[in-house]
Amino acid sequence: MSHHRMLLFVALIALCVCGHRPDAQAADISNGKTIALRWCSSCHLVTPDQRQGNADVPSFASIGARANFDTDAVASFLLDPHPKMPNYSLSRDEARNIAEYIASLAGKAKKPVPEKMLFDQTL
């Protein structure tokens, strides 16, 4: 067997053994919504039907609708403590989940979101 074929064979075996899943790093939008309702809703409007929030901060829908919105940038922002926001010590996954939930409100989610999930606060 040639060196090139051997490398290809080893790579294929490693891929099968490791159980590579492209979506393994995918954000959990539902979990992002849950975290946002628990920690962010006292200041931000985090769902379309939420009626109370702080008038001095943007709603999640308006954040997601910004032309320059980027889930990675929002997740990074959430991980870096800021004087205007409480420091909840979010994990990287939690920050990514919240950012992807915000994206879902503007139709920018990387995967489809059931409409019921966007409006149902019981999740």
C-alpha atoms as a PDB file:
ATOM      1  CA  MET A   1       0.000   0.000   0.000  1.00  0.00           C
ATOM      2  CA  SER A   2       1.389   3.419  -0.938  1.00  0.00           C
ATOM      3  CA  HIS A   3       2.182   6.005   1.722  1.00  0.00           C
ATOM      4  CA  HIS A   4      -0.662   8.249   0.467  1.00  0.00           C
ATOM      5  CA  ARG A   5      -3.235   5.438   0.635  1.00  0.00           C
ATOM      6  CA  MET A   6      -2.020   4.418   4.088  1.00  0.00           C
ATOM      7  CA  LEU A   7      -2.529   7.974   5.389  1.00  0.00           C
ATOM      8  CA  LEU A   8      -5.969   8.119   3.830  1.00  0.00           C
ATOM      9  CA  PHE A   9      -6.869   4.768   5.369  1.00  0.00           C
ATOM     10  CA  VAL A  10      -5.665   5.842   8.843  1.00  0.00           C
ATOM     11  CA  ALA A  11      -7.598   9.117   8.582  1.00  0.00           C
ATOM     12  CA  LEU A  12     -10.763   7.266   7.571  1.00  0.00           C
ATOM     13  CA  ILE A  13     -10.431   4.841  10.480  1.00  0.00           C
ATOM     14  CA  ALA A  14      -9.812   7.714  12.917  1.00  0.00           C
ATOM     15  CA  LEU A  15     -12.896   9.506  11.616  1.00  0.00           C
ATOM     16  CA  CYS A  16     -15.050   6.422  12.122  1.00  0.00           C
ATOM     17  CA  VAL A  17     -13.649   5.600  15.559  1.00  0.00           C
ATOM     18  CA  CYS A  18     -13.993   9.150  16.872  1.00  0.00           C
ATOM     19  CA  GLY A  19     -17.578   9.393  15.698  1.00  0.00           C
ATOM     20  CA  HIS A  20     -17.074  12.759  14.039  1.00  0.00           C
ATOM     21  CA  ARG A  21     -20.273  14.761  14.047  1.00  0.00           C
ATOM     22  CA  PRO A  22     -20.237  18.147  12.301  1.00  0.00           C
ATOM     23  CA  ASP A  23     -23.057  19.392  14.525  1.00  0.00           C
ATOM     24  CA  ALA A  24     -21.328  18.435  17.793  1.00  0.00           C
ATOM     25  CA  GLN A  25     -20.434  22.090  18.356  1.00  0.00           C
ATOM     26  CA  ALA A  26     -23.854  23.388  17.313  1.00  0.00           C
ATOM     27  CA  ALA A  27     -25.469  25.832  19.688  1.00  0.00           C
ATOM     28  CA  ASP A  28     -28.544  24.844  21.681  1.00  0.00           C
ATOM     29  CA  ILE A  29     -31.063  27.596  20.939  1.00  0.00           C
ATOM     30  CA  SER A  30     -33.600  26.280  23.442  1.00  0.00           C
ATOM     31  CA  ASN A  31     -30.997  26.342  26.216  1.00  0.00           C
ATOM     32  CA  GLY A  32     -29.990  29.849  25.160  1.00  0.00           C
ATOM     33  CA  LYS A  33     -33.586  30.974  25.557  1.00  0.00           C
ATOM     34  CA  THR A  34     -33.827  29.320  28.976  1.00  0.00           C
ATOM     35  CA  ILE A  35     -30.649  31.042  30.189  1.00  0.00           C
ATOM     36  CA  ALA A  36     -31.770  34.384  28.730  1.00  0.00           C
ATOM     37  CA  LEU A  37     -35.147  34.178  30.467  1.00  0.00           C
ATOM     38  CA  ARG A  38     -33.456  33.410  33.774  1.00  0.00           C
ATOM     39  CA  TRP A  39     -30.583  35.906  33.684  1.00  0.00           C
ATOM     40  CA  CYS A  40     -31.247  38.539  31.035  1.00  0.00           C
ATOM     41  CA  SER A  41     -34.985  39.243  31.155  1.00  0.00           C
ATOM     42  CA  SER A  42     -34.823  41.592  34.141  1.00  0.00           C
ATOM     43  CA  CYS A  43     -33.184  44.168  31.840  1.00  0.00           C
ATOM     44  CA  HIS A  44     -33.644  42.987  28.228  1.00  0.00           C
ATOM     45  CA  LEU A  45     -36.798  41.984  26.408  1.00  0.00           C
ATOM     46  CA  VAL A  46     -35.684  38.470  25.486  1.00  0.00           C
ATOM     47  CA  THR A  47     -38.897  37.153  23.893  1.00  0.00           C
ATOM     48  CA  PRO A  48     -41.301  38.836  21.475  1.00  0.00           C
ATOM     49  CA  ASP A  49     -44.162  38.632  23.974  1.00  0.00           C
ATOM     50  CA  GLN A  50     -42.257  39.843  27.060  1.00  0.00           C
ATOM     51  CA  ARG A  51     -43.788  43.103  28.305  1.00  0.00           C
ATOM     52  CA  GLN A  52     -41.367  44.355  30.944  1.00  0.00           C
ATOM     53  CA  GLY A  53     -37.712  45.256  30.677  1.00  0.00           C
ATOM     54  CA  ASN A  54     -35.389  48.215  31.082  1.00  0.00           C
ATOM     55  CA  ALA A  55     -36.050  50.949  28.522  1.00  0.00           C
ATOM     56  CA  ASP A  56     -32.342  51.842  28.453  1.00  0.00           C
ATOM     57  CA  VAL A  57     -31.178  48.506  26.991  1.00  0.00           C
ATOM     58  CA  PRO A  58     -31.898  46.971  23.580  1.00  0.00           C
ATOM     59  CA  SER A  59     -34.239  44.032  23.152  1.00  0.00           C
ATOM     60  CA  PHE A  60     -32.761  40.741  21.977  1.00  0.00           C
ATOM     61  CA  ALA A  61     -34.798  41.051  18.749  1.00  0.00           C
ATOM     62  CA  SER A  62     -33.266  44.471  17.999  1.00  0.00           C
ATOM     63  CA  ILE A  63     -29.769  43.158  18.738  1.00  0.00           C
ATOM     64  CA  GLY A  64     -30.304  40.217  16.382  1.00  0.00           C
ATOM     65  CA  ALA A  65     -31.717  42.483  13.665  1.00  0.00           C
ATOM     66  CA  ARG A  66     -28.603  44.659  13.488  1.00  0.00           C
ATOM     67  CA  ALA A  67     -26.919  44.529  10.096  1.00  0.00           C
ATOM     68  CA  ASN A  68     -23.548  43.758  11.690  1.00  0.00           C
ATOM     69  CA  PHE A  69     -24.892  41.091  14.058  1.00  0.00           C
ATOM     70  CA  ASP A  70     -22.490  38.171  14.472  1.00  0.00           C
ATOM     71  CA  THR A  71     -23.125  35.247  16.839  1.00  0.00           C
ATOM     72  CA  ASP A  72     -19.411  34.761  17.544  1.00  0.00           C
ATOM     73  CA  ALA A  73     -18.966  38.434  18.435  1.00  0.00           C
ATOM     74  CA  VAL A  74     -22.004  38.387  20.748  1.00  0.00           C
ATOM     75  CA  ALA A  75     -20.816  35.197  22.442  1.00  0.00           C
ATOM     76  CA  SER A  76     -17.391  36.768  22.999  1.00  0.00           C
ATOM     77  CA  PHE A  77     -19.004  39.927  24.351  1.00  0.00           C
ATOM     78  CA  LEU A  78     -21.010  37.858  26.852  1.00  0.00           C
ATOM     79  CA  LEU A  79     -17.859  36.121  28.091  1.00  0.00           C
ATOM     80  CA  ASP A  80     -16.028  39.390  28.750  1.00  0.00           C
ATOM     81  CA  PRO A  81     -17.262  41.198  31.898  1.00  0.00           C
ATOM     82  CA  HIS A  82     -18.641  44.675  31.215  1.00  0.00           C
ATOM     83  CA  PRO A  83     -19.429  47.423  33.716  1.00  0.00           C
ATOM     84  CA  LYS A  84     -22.981  47.892  32.420  1.00  0.00           C
ATOM     85  CA  MET A  85     -23.866  44.194  32.647  1.00  0.00           C
ATOM     86  CA  PRO A  86     -23.711  41.747  35.543  1.00  0.00           C
ATOM     87  CA  ASN A  87     -21.002  39.095  35.326  1.00  0.00           C
ATOM     88  CA  TYR A  88     -22.786  35.737  35.291  1.00  0.00           C
ATOM     89  CA  SER A  89     -19.617  33.761  34.514  1.00  0.00           C
ATOM     90  CA  LEU A  90     -21.169  32.030  31.523  1.00  0.00           C
ATOM     91  CA  SER A  91     -19.485  29.031  29.968  1.00  0.00           C
ATOM     92  CA  ARG A  92     -18.503  29.255  26.300  1.00  0.00           C
ATOM     93  CA  ASP A  93     -21.397  26.947  25.397  1.00  0.00           C
ATOM     94  CA  GLU A  94     -23.903  29.044  27.360  1.00  0.00           C
ATOM     95  CA  ALA A  95     -22.699  32.256  25.705  1.00  0.00           C
ATOM     96  CA  ARG A  96     -22.885  30.608  22.269  1.00  0.00           C
ATOM     97  CA  ASN A  97     -26.390  29.307  23.066  1.00  0.00           C
ATOM     98  CA  ILE A  98     -27.619  32.777  24.048  1.00  0.00           C
ATOM     99  CA  ALA A  99     -26.040  34.333  20.946  1.00  0.00           C
ATOM    100  CA  GLU A 100     -27.664  31.744  18.694  1.00  0.00           C
ATOM    101  CA  TYR A 101     -31.032  32.309  20.408  1.00  0.00           C
ATOM    102  CA  ILE A 102     -30.686  36.041  19.706  1.00  0.00           C
ATOM    103  CA  ALA A 103     -29.887  35.212  16.067  1.00  0.00           C
ATOM    104  CA  SER A 104     -32.995  33.008  15.898  1.00  0.00           C
ATOM    105  CA  LEU A 105     -35.202  35.971  16.821  1.00  0.00           C
ATOM    106  CA  ALA A 106     -34.043  37.744  13.676  1.00  0.00           C
ATOM    107  CA  GLY A 107     -34.200  34.658  11.464  1.00  0.00           C
ATOM    108  CA  LYS A 108     -30.397  34.403  11.419  1.00  0.00           C
ATOM    109  CA  ALA A 109     -30.069  31.097  13.273  1.00  0.00           C
ATOM    110  CA  LYS A 110     -27.750  28.517  11.786  1.00  0.00           C
ATOM    111  CA  LYS A 111     -30.436  25.866  12.096  1.00  0.00           C
ATOM    112  CA  PRO A 112     -34.239  26.127  11.789  1.00  0.00           C
ATOM    113  CA  VAL A 113     -36.140  27.058  14.923  1.00  0.00           C
ATOM    114  CA  PRO A 114     -39.716  25.881  15.478  1.00  0.00           C
ATOM    115  CA  GLU A 115     -41.980  28.927  15.739  1.00  0.00           C
ATOM    116  CA  LYS A 116     -43.566  27.545  18.915  1.00  0.00           C
ATOM    117  CA  MET A 117     -40.174  27.703  20.650  1.00  0.00           C
ATOM    118  CA  LEU A 118     -39.812  31.425  19.911  1.00  0.00           C
ATOM    119  CA  PHE A 119     -43.098  32.363  21.566  1.00  0.00           C
ATOM    120  CA  ASP A 120     -43.499  29.718  24.274  1.00  0.00           C
ATOM    121  CA  GLN A 121     -41.986  30.958  27.557  1.00  0.00           C
ATOM    122  CA  THR A 122     -42.414  27.567  29.244  1.00  0.00           C
ATOM    123  CA  LEU A 123     -39.338  26.040  27.603  1.00  0.00           C
END
